[in-house]
Every structure is written in structure tokens, then in C-alpha cells.
Amino acid sequence: MINDGGPAFPIKDFDGDIYLGMSSRDYFAAKAMQAILGMQGIQLLIKDHESMNRIARASYGWADAMLKARDEQ
């Protein structure tokens, strides 16, 4: 099972119910993808769906590395 890092922004409502929302892994991957897509010239390298999949997989790779580093602290 992949470590998702738990909820990124858990919210407790007035009844005490907790809404977990997105995982920390998804949040970290989204932030990594923002950085990758913001790199100069990257748009020239995105030519097809497979290019997008490679960037998505790389983003989750960065997220997994961040969670591992956090766990090692």
C-alpha cells in the first residue's frame, strides 16, 4: 500500500465529524507538478498524452520522496 501521508487539510465540523479531503501525497504531487510545468521550455516537450503521464508520474515520485523524507525526521 502506498503511503498517502494522511489528510492534507482535515476539517472538523460542528458535530465533530472529520472530513479528510485530499491526501498529503496528492497535495505534494500537485505542488511538484506546478513546479515542473513552470519550468522554462517544458511546454515544448509536452507533445502527447504519454508526455503528460510521464510528468504526472514524476510528480508523484517527488511526492513520495517528500513523504519518505518527512517520515525519516
N, C-alpha and C. Protein backbone atom coordinates (compact mmCIF):
# COMPACT_ATOMS: atom_id res chain seq x y z
N MET A 1 0.83 -1.18 0.00
CA MET A 1 0.00 0.00 0.00
C MET A 1 0.88 1.25 0.00
N ILE A 2 0.50 2.21 -0.79
CA ILE A 2 1.26 3.45 -0.90
C ILE A 2 0.94 4.36 0.28
N ASN A 3 1.98 4.92 0.90
CA ASN A 3 1.79 5.88 1.98
C ASN A 3 1.23 7.16 1.40
N ASP A 4 0.01 7.53 1.78
CA ASP A 4 -0.57 8.77 1.25
C ASP A 4 -0.31 9.96 2.17
N GLY A 5 0.35 9.75 3.28
CA GLY A 5 0.71 10.84 4.18
C GLY A 5 -0.42 11.34 5.04
N GLY A 6 -1.58 10.73 4.93
CA GLY A 6 -2.74 11.21 5.70
C GLY A 6 -3.35 12.43 5.04
N PRO A 7 -4.38 12.97 5.67
CA PRO A 7 -5.08 14.11 5.07
C PRO A 7 -4.21 15.37 5.05
N ALA A 8 -4.32 16.12 3.95
CA ALA A 8 -3.55 17.37 3.85
C ALA A 8 -4.19 18.48 4.68
N PHE A 9 -5.51 18.56 4.66
CA PHE A 9 -6.22 19.63 5.36
C PHE A 9 -7.48 19.09 6.01
N PRO A 10 -7.35 18.28 7.08
CA PRO A 10 -8.55 17.74 7.71
C PRO A 10 -9.38 18.86 8.35
N ILE A 11 -10.68 18.70 8.26
CA ILE A 11 -11.60 19.71 8.81
C ILE A 11 -12.60 19.00 9.71
N LYS A 12 -12.83 19.56 10.88
CA LYS A 12 -13.83 19.02 11.79
C LYS A 12 -15.04 19.95 11.76
N ASP A 13 -16.22 19.37 11.54
CA ASP A 13 -17.42 20.20 11.51
C ASP A 13 -17.98 20.36 12.93
N PHE A 14 -19.09 21.05 13.06
CA PHE A 14 -19.67 21.34 14.37
C PHE A 14 -20.11 20.10 15.12
N ASP A 15 -20.41 19.02 14.40
CA ASP A 15 -20.82 17.77 15.03
C ASP A 15 -19.63 16.89 15.41
N GLY A 16 -18.44 17.33 15.09
CA GLY A 16 -17.24 16.56 15.38
C GLY A 16 -16.84 15.60 14.29
N ASP A 17 -17.61 15.58 13.20
CA ASP A 17 -17.24 14.73 12.07
C ASP A 17 -16.03 15.32 11.37
N ILE A 18 -15.11 14.46 10.96
CA ILE A 18 -13.90 14.93 10.29
C ILE A 18 -14.00 14.62 8.81
N TYR A 19 -13.76 15.63 8.01
CA TYR A 19 -13.71 15.48 6.56
C TYR A 19 -12.24 15.52 6.16
N LEU A 20 -11.79 14.46 5.55
CA LEU A 20 -10.36 14.31 5.31
C LEU A 20 -9.87 15.05 4.08
N GLY A 21 -10.65 15.17 3.05
CA GLY A 21 -10.20 15.88 1.85
C GLY A 21 -9.07 15.15 1.15
N MET A 22 -8.25 15.89 0.43
CA MET A 22 -7.16 15.29 -0.34
C MET A 22 -6.05 14.82 0.58
N SER A 23 -5.30 13.84 0.08
CA SER A 23 -4.18 13.32 0.86
C SER A 23 -2.97 14.25 0.74
N SER A 24 -2.07 14.11 1.68
CA SER A 24 -0.82 14.87 1.61
C SER A 24 -0.05 14.50 0.34
N ARG A 25 -0.12 13.22 -0.04
CA ARG A 25 0.58 12.77 -1.24
C ARG A 25 0.05 13.50 -2.47
N ASP A 26 -1.28 13.60 -2.59
CA ASP A 26 -1.86 14.31 -3.73
C ASP A 26 -1.48 15.79 -3.69
N TYR A 27 -1.48 16.38 -2.50
CA TYR A 27 -1.12 17.80 -2.37
C TYR A 27 0.33 18.02 -2.79
N PHE A 28 1.23 17.17 -2.29
CA PHE A 28 2.64 17.31 -2.65
C PHE A 28 2.85 17.10 -4.15
N ALA A 29 2.14 16.12 -4.72
CA ALA A 29 2.27 15.86 -6.16
C ALA A 29 1.78 17.07 -6.97
N ALA A 30 0.69 17.67 -6.54
CA ALA A 30 0.17 18.85 -7.24
C ALA A 30 1.18 19.99 -7.20
N LYS A 31 1.81 20.18 -6.04
CA LYS A 31 2.82 21.24 -5.92
C LYS A 31 4.03 20.94 -6.79
N ALA A 32 4.45 19.66 -6.82
CA ALA A 32 5.58 19.28 -7.67
C ALA A 32 5.23 19.50 -9.14
N MET A 33 4.01 19.16 -9.53
CA MET A 33 3.60 19.33 -10.92
C MET A 33 3.58 20.81 -11.29
N GLN A 34 3.14 21.66 -10.37
CA GLN A 34 3.17 23.10 -10.63
C GLN A 34 4.59 23.56 -10.94
N ALA A 35 5.53 23.09 -10.15
CA ALA A 35 6.93 23.48 -10.35
C ALA A 35 7.45 22.96 -11.69
N ILE A 36 7.14 21.70 -12.00
CA ILE A 36 7.60 21.12 -13.27
C ILE A 36 7.02 21.88 -14.45
N LEU A 37 5.71 22.14 -14.41
CA LEU A 37 5.07 22.82 -15.54
C LEU A 37 5.49 24.29 -15.65
N GLY A 38 6.03 24.84 -14.57
CA GLY A 38 6.50 26.21 -14.59
C GLY A 38 7.92 26.37 -15.11
N MET A 39 8.58 25.24 -15.36
CA MET A 39 9.95 25.29 -15.87
C MET A 39 9.97 25.85 -17.28
N GLN A 40 10.96 26.68 -17.55
CA GLN A 40 11.09 27.28 -18.88
C GLN A 40 11.27 26.19 -19.93
N GLY A 41 10.49 26.24 -20.98
CA GLY A 41 10.62 25.33 -22.10
C GLY A 41 9.89 24.01 -21.95
N ILE A 42 9.31 23.74 -20.79
CA ILE A 42 8.67 22.43 -20.59
C ILE A 42 7.49 22.24 -21.54
N GLN A 43 6.77 23.30 -21.85
CA GLN A 43 5.61 23.17 -22.73
C GLN A 43 6.01 22.66 -24.12
N LEU A 44 7.23 22.94 -24.52
CA LEU A 44 7.71 22.46 -25.82
C LEU A 44 7.93 20.95 -25.82
N LEU A 45 8.13 20.37 -24.64
CA LEU A 45 8.38 18.94 -24.53
C LEU A 45 7.11 18.11 -24.38
N ILE A 46 5.99 18.78 -24.08
CA ILE A 46 4.72 18.07 -23.90
C ILE A 46 4.06 17.96 -25.27
N LYS A 47 4.14 16.77 -25.82
CA LYS A 47 3.66 16.57 -27.19
C LYS A 47 2.42 15.68 -27.26
N ASP A 48 2.22 14.83 -26.26
CA ASP A 48 1.12 13.88 -26.32
C ASP A 48 0.72 13.43 -24.91
N HIS A 49 -0.25 12.54 -24.87
CA HIS A 49 -0.77 12.05 -23.59
C HIS A 49 0.33 11.34 -22.79
N GLU A 50 1.20 10.63 -23.45
CA GLU A 50 2.28 9.93 -22.75
C GLU A 50 3.24 10.93 -22.08
N SER A 51 3.48 12.06 -22.72
CA SER A 51 4.32 13.10 -22.11
C SER A 51 3.68 13.59 -20.81
N MET A 52 2.37 13.77 -20.86
CA MET A 52 1.64 14.22 -19.66
C MET A 52 1.70 13.16 -18.57
N ASN A 53 1.57 11.89 -18.96
CA ASN A 53 1.65 10.80 -17.97
C ASN A 53 3.02 10.75 -17.31
N ARG A 54 4.08 10.98 -18.08
CA ARG A 54 5.43 10.98 -17.50
C ARG A 54 5.57 12.09 -16.47
N ILE A 55 5.03 13.26 -16.76
CA ILE A 55 5.10 14.37 -15.81
C ILE A 55 4.29 14.05 -14.56
N ALA A 56 3.12 13.45 -14.74
CA ALA A 56 2.29 13.08 -13.58
C ALA A 56 3.01 12.05 -12.71
N ARG A 57 3.62 11.04 -13.34
CA ARG A 57 4.36 10.03 -12.58
C ARG A 57 5.55 10.65 -11.86
N ALA A 58 6.24 11.56 -12.52
CA ALA A 58 7.38 12.24 -11.88
C ALA A 58 6.90 13.06 -10.69
N SER A 59 5.76 13.69 -10.82
CA SER A 59 5.20 14.50 -9.72
C SER A 59 4.93 13.63 -8.50
N TYR A 60 4.34 12.44 -8.74
CA TYR A 60 4.10 11.53 -7.62
C TYR A 60 5.41 10.96 -7.08
N GLY A 61 6.41 10.83 -7.92
CA GLY A 61 7.73 10.41 -7.44
C GLY A 61 8.29 11.42 -6.46
N TRP A 62 8.17 12.70 -6.79
CA TRP A 62 8.61 13.76 -5.88
C TRP A 62 7.80 13.74 -4.59
N ALA A 63 6.50 13.53 -4.71
CA ALA A 63 5.64 13.48 -3.52
C ALA A 63 6.06 12.33 -2.62
N ASP A 64 6.31 11.16 -3.19
CA ASP A 64 6.73 10.01 -2.40
C ASP A 64 8.06 10.28 -1.71
N ALA A 65 8.97 10.94 -2.40
CA ALA A 65 10.27 11.29 -1.80
C ALA A 65 10.07 12.27 -0.64
N MET A 66 9.17 13.20 -0.79
CA MET A 66 8.90 14.17 0.28
C MET A 66 8.31 13.47 1.51
N LEU A 67 7.37 12.54 1.28
CA LEU A 67 6.78 11.81 2.40
C LEU A 67 7.83 10.94 3.10
N LYS A 68 8.70 10.32 2.32
CA LYS A 68 9.77 9.49 2.91
C LYS A 68 10.70 10.35 3.75
N ALA A 69 11.08 11.49 3.22
CA ALA A 69 11.97 12.39 3.98
C ALA A 69 11.28 12.86 5.26
N ARG A 70 10.00 13.13 5.19
CA ARG A 70 9.25 13.57 6.38
C ARG A 70 9.23 12.47 7.42
N ASP A 71 9.04 11.23 6.99
CA ASP A 71 8.99 10.10 7.91
C ASP A 71 10.35 9.82 8.57
N GLU A 72 11.42 10.20 7.89
CA GLU A 72 12.77 9.95 8.41
C GLU A 72 13.21 11.00 9.44
N GLN A 73 12.44 12.05 9.59
CA GLN A 73 12.80 13.11 10.55
C GLN A 73 12.55 12.68 11.97
